[in-house]
Amino acid sequence: MFKNILSFLLLLLIPVLVNGQDMDQKSNESMYKATYKSIVSALDKGQVDKLDEYIASDIVDHDVDPSMTTKTGLAAVKEMFNKYHKIFPDMKNTIHSIAISGNLLFAYVTFSGTTSEPYMGMPANKKMSMDSVDILRFEGDKVVEHWGFTSNTDIMKMMSQDKMMEKDMDDM
């Protein structure tokens, strides 16, 4: 009899436990999406100091541009995006989609802006647009790792603006 009651109680607990895990995962997904949107908003506005709220100080960023910074962690991210915002003062990121798997966030984004100075072969006052994918790994409520992937086609279009690159590409 005791065995039957215990079995019945366990059967009742399974949906509660499974549902609780789903609610925790959905809560994390909402938090991850909100965090990513806040990061993008801060970057668009040039408010890199707000990144402290969302990104771990020792973040491992696999997409740091060594031509823009020699720093590491959050300091590198801040310096890089301060420079991007100086080059593209009207920068705008459009988030097309976000997906979550465990503690990873995947986002498809289009970055657009107008150069305020020559950059990557583009003259000043040149409008540009570039598609990319971000992958962020979270621990708790902070981003601890980032990978960024940019469309090579978009990069080649930007570089082809450079007269020197046009000459070199014509020689091929």
N, C-alpha and C. Protein backbone atom coordinates (compact mmCIF):
# COMPACT_ATOMS: atom_id res chain seq x y z
N MET A 1 0.82 -1.19 0.00
CA MET A 1 0.00 0.00 0.00
C MET A 1 0.88 1.26 0.00
N PHE A 2 1.90 1.29 0.90
CA PHE A 2 2.81 2.43 0.99
C PHE A 2 3.52 2.64 -0.35
N LYS A 3 3.90 1.55 -0.97
CA LYS A 3 4.58 1.59 -2.27
C LYS A 3 3.67 2.24 -3.33
N ASN A 4 2.39 1.91 -3.32
CA ASN A 4 1.44 2.48 -4.28
C ASN A 4 1.26 3.99 -4.06
N ILE A 5 1.19 4.39 -2.81
CA ILE A 5 1.02 5.81 -2.50
C ILE A 5 2.26 6.60 -2.93
N LEU A 6 3.43 6.04 -2.64
CA LEU A 6 4.69 6.69 -3.03
C LEU A 6 4.79 6.80 -4.54
N SER A 7 4.42 5.77 -5.25
CA SER A 7 4.43 5.79 -6.72
C SER A 7 3.47 6.85 -7.24
N PHE A 8 2.30 6.95 -6.64
CA PHE A 8 1.31 7.94 -7.05
C PHE A 8 1.83 9.36 -6.82
N LEU A 9 2.47 9.60 -5.67
CA LEU A 9 3.02 10.92 -5.38
C LEU A 9 4.14 11.29 -6.35
N LEU A 10 4.97 10.32 -6.68
CA LEU A 10 6.04 10.57 -7.65
C LEU A 10 5.46 10.93 -9.01
N LEU A 11 4.41 10.24 -9.42
CA LEU A 11 3.77 10.54 -10.69
C LEU A 11 3.19 11.95 -10.69
N LEU A 12 2.68 12.38 -9.56
CA LEU A 12 2.15 13.74 -9.46
C LEU A 12 3.26 14.79 -9.50
N LEU A 13 4.44 14.46 -8.96
CA LEU A 13 5.54 15.41 -8.91
C LEU A 13 6.23 15.60 -10.25
N ILE A 14 6.23 14.60 -11.10
CA ILE A 14 6.95 14.69 -12.37
C ILE A 14 6.49 15.89 -13.20
N PRO A 15 5.19 16.08 -13.44
CA PRO A 15 4.78 17.26 -14.22
C PRO A 15 5.16 18.58 -13.55
N VAL A 16 5.11 18.62 -12.25
CA VAL A 16 5.47 19.84 -11.53
C VAL A 16 6.95 20.15 -11.74
N LEU A 17 7.80 19.14 -11.62
CA LEU A 17 9.24 19.34 -11.80
C LEU A 17 9.57 19.72 -13.24
N VAL A 18 8.98 19.03 -14.19
CA VAL A 18 9.23 19.33 -15.60
C VAL A 18 8.72 20.72 -15.94
N ASN A 19 7.54 21.06 -15.48
CA ASN A 19 6.98 22.38 -15.73
C ASN A 19 7.84 23.47 -15.10
N GLY A 20 8.38 23.21 -13.93
CA GLY A 20 9.25 24.17 -13.26
C GLY A 20 10.51 24.43 -14.06
N GLN A 21 11.07 23.38 -14.66
CA GLN A 21 12.26 23.54 -15.49
C GLN A 21 11.93 24.35 -16.73
N ASP A 22 10.79 24.09 -17.35
CA ASP A 22 10.38 24.85 -18.53
C ASP A 22 10.22 26.33 -18.18
N MET A 23 9.64 26.61 -17.01
CA MET A 23 9.45 28.00 -16.60
C MET A 23 10.79 28.68 -16.36
N ASP A 24 11.75 27.96 -15.73
CA ASP A 24 13.08 28.53 -15.53
C ASP A 24 13.76 28.83 -16.86
N GLN A 25 13.66 27.88 -17.81
CA GLN A 25 14.27 28.07 -19.12
C GLN A 25 13.62 29.25 -19.85
N LYS A 26 12.31 29.35 -19.78
CA LYS A 26 11.61 30.47 -20.43
C LYS A 26 11.99 31.79 -19.78
N SER A 27 12.16 31.78 -18.46
CA SER A 27 12.58 32.98 -17.75
C SER A 27 13.99 33.39 -18.21
N ASN A 28 14.90 32.40 -18.31
CA ASN A 28 16.25 32.68 -18.80
C ASN A 28 16.22 33.19 -20.24
N GLU A 29 15.40 32.57 -21.08
CA GLU A 29 15.31 33.02 -22.47
C GLU A 29 14.87 34.47 -22.55
N SER A 30 13.86 34.83 -21.77
CA SER A 30 13.39 36.22 -21.75
C SER A 30 14.50 37.15 -21.28
N MET A 31 15.21 36.75 -20.23
CA MET A 31 16.30 37.57 -19.70
C MET A 31 17.42 37.72 -20.74
N TYR A 32 17.80 36.61 -21.40
CA TYR A 32 18.86 36.66 -22.41
C TYR A 32 18.48 37.60 -23.55
N LYS A 33 17.24 37.48 -24.03
CA LYS A 33 16.79 38.35 -25.13
C LYS A 33 16.79 39.81 -24.70
N ALA A 34 16.28 40.09 -23.51
CA ALA A 34 16.24 41.47 -23.01
C ALA A 34 17.66 42.02 -22.84
N THR A 35 18.56 41.19 -22.35
CA THR A 35 19.95 41.61 -22.17
C THR A 35 20.58 41.96 -23.51
N TYR A 36 20.39 41.08 -24.51
CA TYR A 36 20.97 41.33 -25.84
C TYR A 36 20.41 42.62 -26.43
N LYS A 37 19.11 42.81 -26.32
CA LYS A 37 18.49 44.03 -26.85
C LYS A 37 19.03 45.27 -26.14
N SER A 38 19.28 45.16 -24.84
CA SER A 38 19.84 46.29 -24.08
C SER A 38 21.27 46.59 -24.51
N ILE A 39 22.05 45.54 -24.77
CA ILE A 39 23.43 45.72 -25.24
C ILE A 39 23.42 46.43 -26.59
N VAL A 40 22.59 45.97 -27.50
CA VAL A 40 22.51 46.57 -28.84
C VAL A 40 22.06 48.03 -28.73
N SER A 41 21.09 48.31 -27.90
CA SER A 41 20.62 49.67 -27.71
C SER A 41 21.74 50.57 -27.17
N ALA A 42 22.47 50.07 -26.18
CA ALA A 42 23.58 50.85 -25.62
C ALA A 42 24.64 51.13 -26.68
N LEU A 43 24.93 50.13 -27.52
CA LEU A 43 25.93 50.33 -28.57
C LEU A 43 25.44 51.34 -29.60
N ASP A 44 24.17 51.24 -30.00
CA ASP A 44 23.62 52.19 -30.96
C ASP A 44 23.70 53.62 -30.45
N LYS A 45 23.53 53.81 -29.15
CA LYS A 45 23.54 55.15 -28.56
C LYS A 45 24.92 55.60 -28.11
N GLY A 46 25.92 54.71 -28.23
CA GLY A 46 27.26 55.06 -27.79
C GLY A 46 27.41 55.08 -26.28
N GLN A 47 26.54 54.37 -25.58
CA GLN A 47 26.54 54.34 -24.12
C GLN A 47 27.27 53.08 -23.62
N VAL A 48 28.56 53.00 -23.93
CA VAL A 48 29.29 51.77 -23.60
C VAL A 48 29.43 51.53 -22.10
N ASP A 49 29.29 52.55 -21.28
CA ASP A 49 29.38 52.34 -19.83
C ASP A 49 28.23 51.48 -19.32
N LYS A 50 27.13 51.44 -20.04
CA LYS A 50 26.00 50.59 -19.64
C LYS A 50 26.31 49.10 -19.83
N LEU A 51 27.35 48.80 -20.59
CA LEU A 51 27.70 47.40 -20.84
C LEU A 51 28.11 46.67 -19.56
N ASP A 52 28.57 47.42 -18.56
CA ASP A 52 28.94 46.81 -17.27
C ASP A 52 27.79 46.02 -16.66
N GLU A 53 26.57 46.46 -16.92
CA GLU A 53 25.39 45.79 -16.36
C GLU A 53 25.15 44.41 -16.97
N TYR A 54 25.62 44.22 -18.19
CA TYR A 54 25.24 43.03 -18.95
C TYR A 54 26.39 42.09 -19.31
N ILE A 55 27.62 42.61 -19.29
CA ILE A 55 28.77 41.84 -19.76
C ILE A 55 29.77 41.67 -18.63
N ALA A 56 30.26 40.44 -18.45
CA ALA A 56 31.26 40.16 -17.42
C ALA A 56 32.56 40.90 -17.74
N SER A 57 33.25 41.36 -16.71
CA SER A 57 34.48 42.12 -16.93
C SER A 57 35.56 41.28 -17.61
N ASP A 58 35.50 39.97 -17.43
CA ASP A 58 36.51 39.09 -18.03
C ASP A 58 35.97 38.33 -19.24
N ILE A 59 34.99 38.93 -19.93
CA ILE A 59 34.40 38.29 -21.11
C ILE A 59 35.50 37.83 -22.08
N VAL A 60 35.29 36.69 -22.69
CA VAL A 60 36.17 36.22 -23.75
C VAL A 60 35.45 36.55 -25.06
N ASP A 61 36.00 37.53 -25.78
CA ASP A 61 35.39 37.94 -27.05
C ASP A 61 36.28 37.43 -28.17
N HIS A 62 35.76 36.51 -28.96
CA HIS A 62 36.52 35.90 -30.04
C HIS A 62 36.51 36.77 -31.29
N ASP A 63 35.91 37.95 -31.21
CA ASP A 63 35.77 38.82 -32.38
C ASP A 63 36.38 40.19 -32.14
N VAL A 64 37.33 40.29 -31.23
CA VAL A 64 37.98 41.57 -30.97
C VAL A 64 38.89 41.91 -32.15
N ASP A 65 38.80 43.15 -32.62
CA ASP A 65 39.61 43.61 -33.74
C ASP A 65 40.94 44.13 -33.19
N PRO A 66 42.05 43.41 -33.43
CA PRO A 66 43.34 43.84 -32.88
C PRO A 66 43.85 45.16 -33.45
N SER A 67 43.27 45.61 -34.56
CA SER A 67 43.67 46.92 -35.09
C SER A 67 43.00 48.05 -34.33
N MET A 68 42.01 47.70 -33.49
CA MET A 68 41.28 48.74 -32.73
C MET A 68 41.64 48.76 -31.25
N THR A 69 42.11 47.63 -30.72
CA THR A 69 42.44 47.59 -29.29
C THR A 69 43.42 46.47 -28.99
N THR A 70 44.22 46.69 -27.96
CA THR A 70 45.11 45.63 -27.46
C THR A 70 44.62 45.14 -26.10
N LYS A 71 43.52 45.71 -25.64
CA LYS A 71 42.96 45.33 -24.34
C LYS A 71 42.23 43.99 -24.46
N THR A 72 41.84 43.45 -23.31
CA THR A 72 41.07 42.22 -23.27
C THR A 72 39.82 42.43 -22.42
N GLY A 73 38.93 41.46 -22.46
CA GLY A 73 37.74 41.51 -21.62
C GLY A 73 36.82 42.66 -22.00
N LEU A 74 36.06 43.10 -21.01
CA LEU A 74 35.09 44.17 -21.22
C LEU A 74 35.77 45.47 -21.66
N ALA A 75 36.97 45.71 -21.18
CA ALA A 75 37.71 46.92 -21.58
C ALA A 75 37.93 46.93 -23.09
N ALA A 76 38.22 45.78 -23.68
CA ALA A 76 38.42 45.69 -25.14
C ALA A 76 37.11 45.97 -25.87
N VAL A 77 36.03 45.37 -25.38
CA VAL A 77 34.71 45.56 -26.01
C VAL A 77 34.35 47.04 -25.98
N LYS A 78 34.53 47.68 -24.84
CA LYS A 78 34.20 49.10 -24.71
C LYS A 78 35.04 49.97 -25.65
N GLU A 79 36.35 49.73 -25.67
CA GLU A 79 37.22 50.54 -26.52
C GLU A 79 36.86 50.35 -28.00
N MET A 80 36.63 49.12 -28.39
CA MET A 80 36.29 48.83 -29.78
C MET A 80 35.00 49.53 -30.18
N PHE A 81 33.98 49.44 -29.33
CA PHE A 81 32.71 50.04 -29.69
C PHE A 81 32.70 51.55 -29.56
N ASN A 82 33.56 52.11 -28.71
CA ASN A 82 33.73 53.58 -28.71
C ASN A 82 34.28 54.02 -30.06
N LYS A 83 35.24 53.25 -30.58
CA LYS A 83 35.83 53.60 -31.88
C LYS A 83 34.82 53.40 -33.00
N TYR A 84 34.06 52.30 -32.96
CA TYR A 84 33.03 52.09 -33.99
C TYR A 84 32.02 53.22 -33.97
N HIS A 85 31.65 53.65 -32.77
CA HIS A 85 30.65 54.72 -32.68
C HIS A 85 31.21 56.05 -33.17
N LYS A 86 32.51 56.26 -33.00
CA LYS A 86 33.15 57.47 -33.53
C LYS A 86 33.15 57.43 -35.07
N ILE A 87 33.45 56.26 -35.63
CA ILE A 87 33.48 56.11 -37.09
C ILE A 87 32.07 56.15 -37.68
N PHE A 88 31.12 55.53 -36.97
CA PHE A 88 29.72 55.48 -37.42
C PHE A 88 28.82 56.11 -36.35
N PRO A 89 28.80 57.44 -36.25
CA PRO A 89 28.01 58.08 -35.19
C PRO A 89 26.50 57.82 -35.29
N ASP A 90 26.04 57.46 -36.48
CA ASP A 90 24.61 57.16 -36.66
C ASP A 90 24.35 55.65 -36.69
N MET A 91 25.27 54.88 -36.10
CA MET A 91 25.16 53.41 -36.17
C MET A 91 23.81 52.93 -35.69
N LYS A 92 23.31 51.93 -36.38
CA LYS A 92 22.02 51.33 -36.05
C LYS A 92 22.12 49.84 -36.30
N ASN A 93 21.73 49.06 -35.32
CA ASN A 93 21.66 47.61 -35.45
C ASN A 93 20.21 47.20 -35.51
N THR A 94 19.86 46.44 -36.51
CA THR A 94 18.51 45.92 -36.65
C THR A 94 18.55 44.43 -36.35
N ILE A 95 17.86 44.02 -35.31
CA ILE A 95 17.81 42.60 -34.93
C ILE A 95 16.70 41.94 -35.73
N HIS A 96 17.07 40.96 -36.55
CA HIS A 96 16.09 40.25 -37.37
C HIS A 96 15.51 39.04 -36.64
N SER A 97 16.38 38.32 -35.93
CA SER A 97 15.88 37.16 -35.18
C SER A 97 16.85 36.81 -34.06
N ILE A 98 16.28 36.19 -33.03
CA ILE A 98 17.05 35.71 -31.88
C ILE A 98 16.57 34.30 -31.57
N ALA A 99 17.52 33.42 -31.30
CA ALA A 99 17.20 32.05 -30.88
C ALA A 99 18.03 31.73 -29.65
N ILE A 100 17.49 30.92 -28.79
CA ILE A 100 18.17 30.52 -27.55
C ILE A 100 18.28 29.00 -27.52
N SER A 101 19.45 28.51 -27.11
CA SER A 101 19.65 27.09 -26.87
C SER A 101 20.47 26.97 -25.59
N GLY A 102 19.82 26.52 -24.51
CA GLY A 102 20.52 26.45 -23.23
C GLY A 102 20.94 27.82 -22.78
N ASN A 103 22.26 28.01 -22.58
CA ASN A 103 22.76 29.32 -22.15
C ASN A 103 23.41 30.10 -23.31
N LEU A 104 23.08 29.70 -24.56
CA LEU A 104 23.59 30.39 -25.74
C LEU A 104 22.49 31.18 -26.43
N LEU A 105 22.83 32.39 -26.85
CA LEU A 105 21.91 33.21 -27.63
C LEU A 105 22.51 33.38 -29.02
N PHE A 106 21.69 33.21 -30.05
CA PHE A 106 22.09 33.40 -31.44
C PHE A 106 21.25 34.54 -32.00
N ALA A 107 21.90 35.53 -32.63
CA ALA A 107 21.15 36.65 -33.17
C ALA A 107 21.64 36.97 -34.58
N TYR A 108 20.68 37.20 -35.48
CA TYR A 108 20.97 37.65 -36.84
C TYR A 108 20.67 39.14 -36.87
N VAL A 109 21.69 39.94 -37.24
CA VAL A 109 21.61 41.39 -37.11
C VAL A 109 22.14 42.06 -38.38
N THR A 110 21.57 43.22 -38.71
CA THR A 110 22.14 44.07 -39.75
C THR A 110 22.63 45.36 -39.10
N PHE A 111 23.90 45.65 -39.31
CA PHE A 111 24.52 46.87 -38.82
C PHE A 111 24.54 47.86 -39.98
N SER A 112 24.14 49.10 -39.73
CA SER A 112 24.22 50.12 -40.77
C SER A 112 24.71 51.43 -40.15
N GLY A 113 25.29 52.26 -40.99
CA GLY A 113 25.77 53.54 -40.52
C GLY A 113 26.45 54.30 -41.64
N THR A 114 26.86 55.52 -41.34
CA THR A 114 27.54 56.39 -42.29
C THR A 114 28.91 56.73 -41.70
N THR A 115 29.95 56.54 -42.49
CA THR A 115 31.30 56.81 -41.99
C THR A 115 31.51 58.30 -41.77
N SER A 116 32.15 58.63 -40.66
CA SER A 116 32.49 60.03 -40.38
C SER A 116 33.93 60.31 -40.82
N GLU A 117 34.64 59.24 -41.14
CA GLU A 117 36.03 59.33 -41.57
C GLU A 117 36.31 58.10 -42.44
N PRO A 118 37.39 58.11 -43.23
CA PRO A 118 37.69 56.92 -44.03
C PRO A 118 37.86 55.69 -43.14
N TYR A 119 37.30 54.56 -43.61
CA TYR A 119 37.36 53.33 -42.83
C TYR A 119 37.25 52.13 -43.78
N MET A 120 38.18 51.21 -43.68
CA MET A 120 38.20 49.98 -44.48
C MET A 120 37.95 50.25 -45.96
N GLY A 121 38.62 51.26 -46.48
CA GLY A 121 38.50 51.57 -47.89
C GLY A 121 37.33 52.45 -48.25
N MET A 122 36.46 52.75 -47.30
CA MET A 122 35.32 53.62 -47.57
C MET A 122 35.69 55.06 -47.25
N PRO A 123 35.28 56.00 -48.09
CA PRO A 123 35.53 57.40 -47.77
C PRO A 123 34.59 57.88 -46.67
N ALA A 124 34.86 59.04 -46.14
CA ALA A 124 33.94 59.66 -45.17
C ALA A 124 32.60 59.90 -45.85
N ASN A 125 31.55 59.89 -45.06
CA ASN A 125 30.17 60.12 -45.51
C ASN A 125 29.64 59.01 -46.43
N LYS A 126 30.17 57.82 -46.29
CA LYS A 126 29.71 56.67 -47.08
C LYS A 126 28.76 55.83 -46.23
N LYS A 127 27.55 55.61 -46.74
CA LYS A 127 26.60 54.74 -46.05
C LYS A 127 27.00 53.29 -46.29
N MET A 128 26.85 52.48 -45.27
CA MET A 128 27.16 51.06 -45.41
C MET A 128 26.20 50.23 -44.60
N SER A 129 26.13 48.96 -44.95
CA SER A 129 25.26 48.02 -44.25
C SER A 129 25.95 46.66 -44.28
N MET A 130 25.86 45.94 -43.16
CA MET A 130 26.56 44.67 -43.05
C MET A 130 25.75 43.70 -42.20
N ASP A 131 25.55 42.49 -42.72
CA ASP A 131 24.85 41.45 -41.97
C ASP A 131 25.84 40.68 -41.10
N SER A 132 25.36 40.26 -39.93
CA SER A 132 26.23 39.48 -39.05
C SER A 132 25.39 38.58 -38.14
N VAL A 133 26.09 37.65 -37.53
CA VAL A 133 25.49 36.76 -36.54
C VAL A 133 26.32 36.87 -35.27
N ASP A 134 25.65 37.05 -34.16
CA ASP A 134 26.30 37.06 -32.84
C ASP A 134 25.90 35.80 -32.10
N ILE A 135 26.86 35.23 -31.40
CA ILE A 135 26.59 34.13 -30.47
C ILE A 135 27.12 34.57 -29.12
N LEU A 136 26.27 34.55 -28.12
CA LEU A 136 26.65 34.95 -26.76
C LEU A 136 26.41 33.79 -25.81
N ARG A 137 27.37 33.58 -24.93
CA ARG A 137 27.21 32.57 -23.88
C ARG A 137 27.02 33.29 -22.55
N PHE A 138 26.00 32.88 -21.83
CA PHE A 138 25.66 33.49 -20.55
C PHE A 138 26.07 32.60 -19.39
N GLU A 139 26.46 33.22 -18.32
CA GLU A 139 26.57 32.58 -16.99
C GLU A 139 25.78 33.49 -16.06
N GLY A 140 24.69 32.95 -15.53
CA GLY A 140 23.80 33.79 -14.72
C GLY A 140 23.19 34.86 -15.62
N ASP A 141 23.32 36.12 -15.20
CA ASP A 141 22.72 37.20 -15.99
C ASP A 141 23.74 38.01 -16.78
N LYS A 142 24.96 37.47 -16.92
CA LYS A 142 26.02 38.19 -17.64
C LYS A 142 26.49 37.41 -18.86
N VAL A 143 26.87 38.15 -19.89
CA VAL A 143 27.49 37.56 -21.07
C VAL A 143 28.96 37.31 -20.72
N VAL A 144 29.42 36.07 -20.91
CA VAL A 144 30.80 35.72 -20.56
C VAL A 144 31.64 35.35 -21.78
N GLU A 145 30.97 35.16 -22.93
CA GLU A 145 31.71 34.80 -24.14
C GLU A 145 30.92 35.26 -25.36
N HIS A 146 31.65 35.70 -26.40
CA HIS A 146 31.00 36.20 -27.62
C HIS A 146 31.79 35.76 -28.85
N TRP A 147 31.04 35.35 -29.87
CA TRP A 147 31.57 35.09 -31.20
C TRP A 147 30.77 35.95 -32.16
N GLY A 148 31.45 36.55 -33.13
CA GLY A 148 30.75 37.35 -34.14
C GLY A 148 31.17 36.89 -35.53
N PHE A 149 30.20 36.79 -36.42
CA PHE A 149 30.46 36.35 -37.79
C PHE A 149 29.83 37.36 -38.73
N THR A 150 30.63 37.89 -39.64
CA THR A 150 30.18 38.92 -40.56
C THR A 150 30.17 38.39 -41.98
N SER A 151 29.23 38.85 -42.76
CA SER A 151 29.12 38.45 -44.16
C SER A 151 30.36 38.87 -44.93
N ASN A 152 31.08 37.90 -45.49
CA ASN A 152 32.26 38.22 -46.30
C ASN A 152 31.90 39.04 -47.52
N THR A 153 30.74 38.82 -48.08
CA THR A 153 30.29 39.60 -49.23
C THR A 153 30.20 41.08 -48.86
N ASP A 154 29.64 41.36 -47.70
CA ASP A 154 29.53 42.76 -47.26
C ASP A 154 30.91 43.38 -47.05
N ILE A 155 31.84 42.62 -46.48
CA ILE A 155 33.19 43.13 -46.27
C ILE A 155 33.87 43.42 -47.60
N MET A 156 33.72 42.51 -48.56
CA MET A 156 34.32 42.72 -49.87
C MET A 156 33.73 43.95 -50.57
N LYS A 157 32.43 44.16 -50.40
CA LYS A 157 31.81 45.36 -50.98
C LYS A 157 32.43 46.62 -50.38
N MET A 158 32.65 46.60 -49.06
CA MET A 158 33.24 47.77 -48.42
C MET A 158 34.67 47.98 -48.92
N MET A 159 35.42 46.90 -48.97
CA MET A 159 36.82 47.01 -49.38
C MET A 159 36.94 47.41 -50.85
N SER A 160 35.98 47.06 -51.67
CA SER A 160 36.05 47.41 -53.09
C SER A 160 35.88 48.91 -53.29
N GLN A 161 35.47 49.63 -52.25
CA GLN A 161 35.37 51.08 -52.33
C GLN A 161 36.76 51.71 -52.43
N ASP A 162 37.76 50.97 -51.97
CA ASP A 162 39.13 51.45 -51.95
C ASP A 162 39.71 51.37 -53.36
N LYS A 163 40.18 52.49 -53.89
CA LYS A 163 40.74 52.52 -55.25
C LYS A 163 41.90 51.54 -55.39
N MET A 164 42.70 51.38 -54.36
CA MET A 164 43.84 50.47 -54.40
C MET A 164 43.33 49.03 -54.55
N MET A 165 42.26 48.68 -53.81
CA MET A 165 41.70 47.33 -53.91
C MET A 165 41.11 47.09 -55.28
N GLU A 166 40.47 48.12 -55.87
CA GLU A 166 39.89 47.96 -57.21
C GLU A 166 41.00 47.61 -58.19
N LYS A 167 42.14 48.31 -58.08
CA LYS A 167 43.26 48.06 -58.99
C LYS A 167 43.77 46.63 -58.79
N ASP A 168 43.99 46.23 -57.53
CA ASP A 168 44.48 44.88 -57.25
C ASP A 168 43.51 43.82 -57.72
N MET A 169 42.23 44.05 -57.55
CA MET A 169 41.23 43.05 -57.96
C MET A 169 41.13 42.99 -59.48
N ASP A 170 41.37 44.12 -60.16
CA ASP A 170 41.35 44.12 -61.62
C ASP A 170 42.52 43.33 -62.19
N ASP A 171 43.63 43.32 -61.46
CA ASP A 171 44.83 42.60 -61.92
C ASP A 171 44.68 41.09 -61.80
N MET A 172 43.68 40.62 -61.06
CA MET A 172 43.52 39.18 -60.84
C MET A 172 42.97 38.48 -62.05
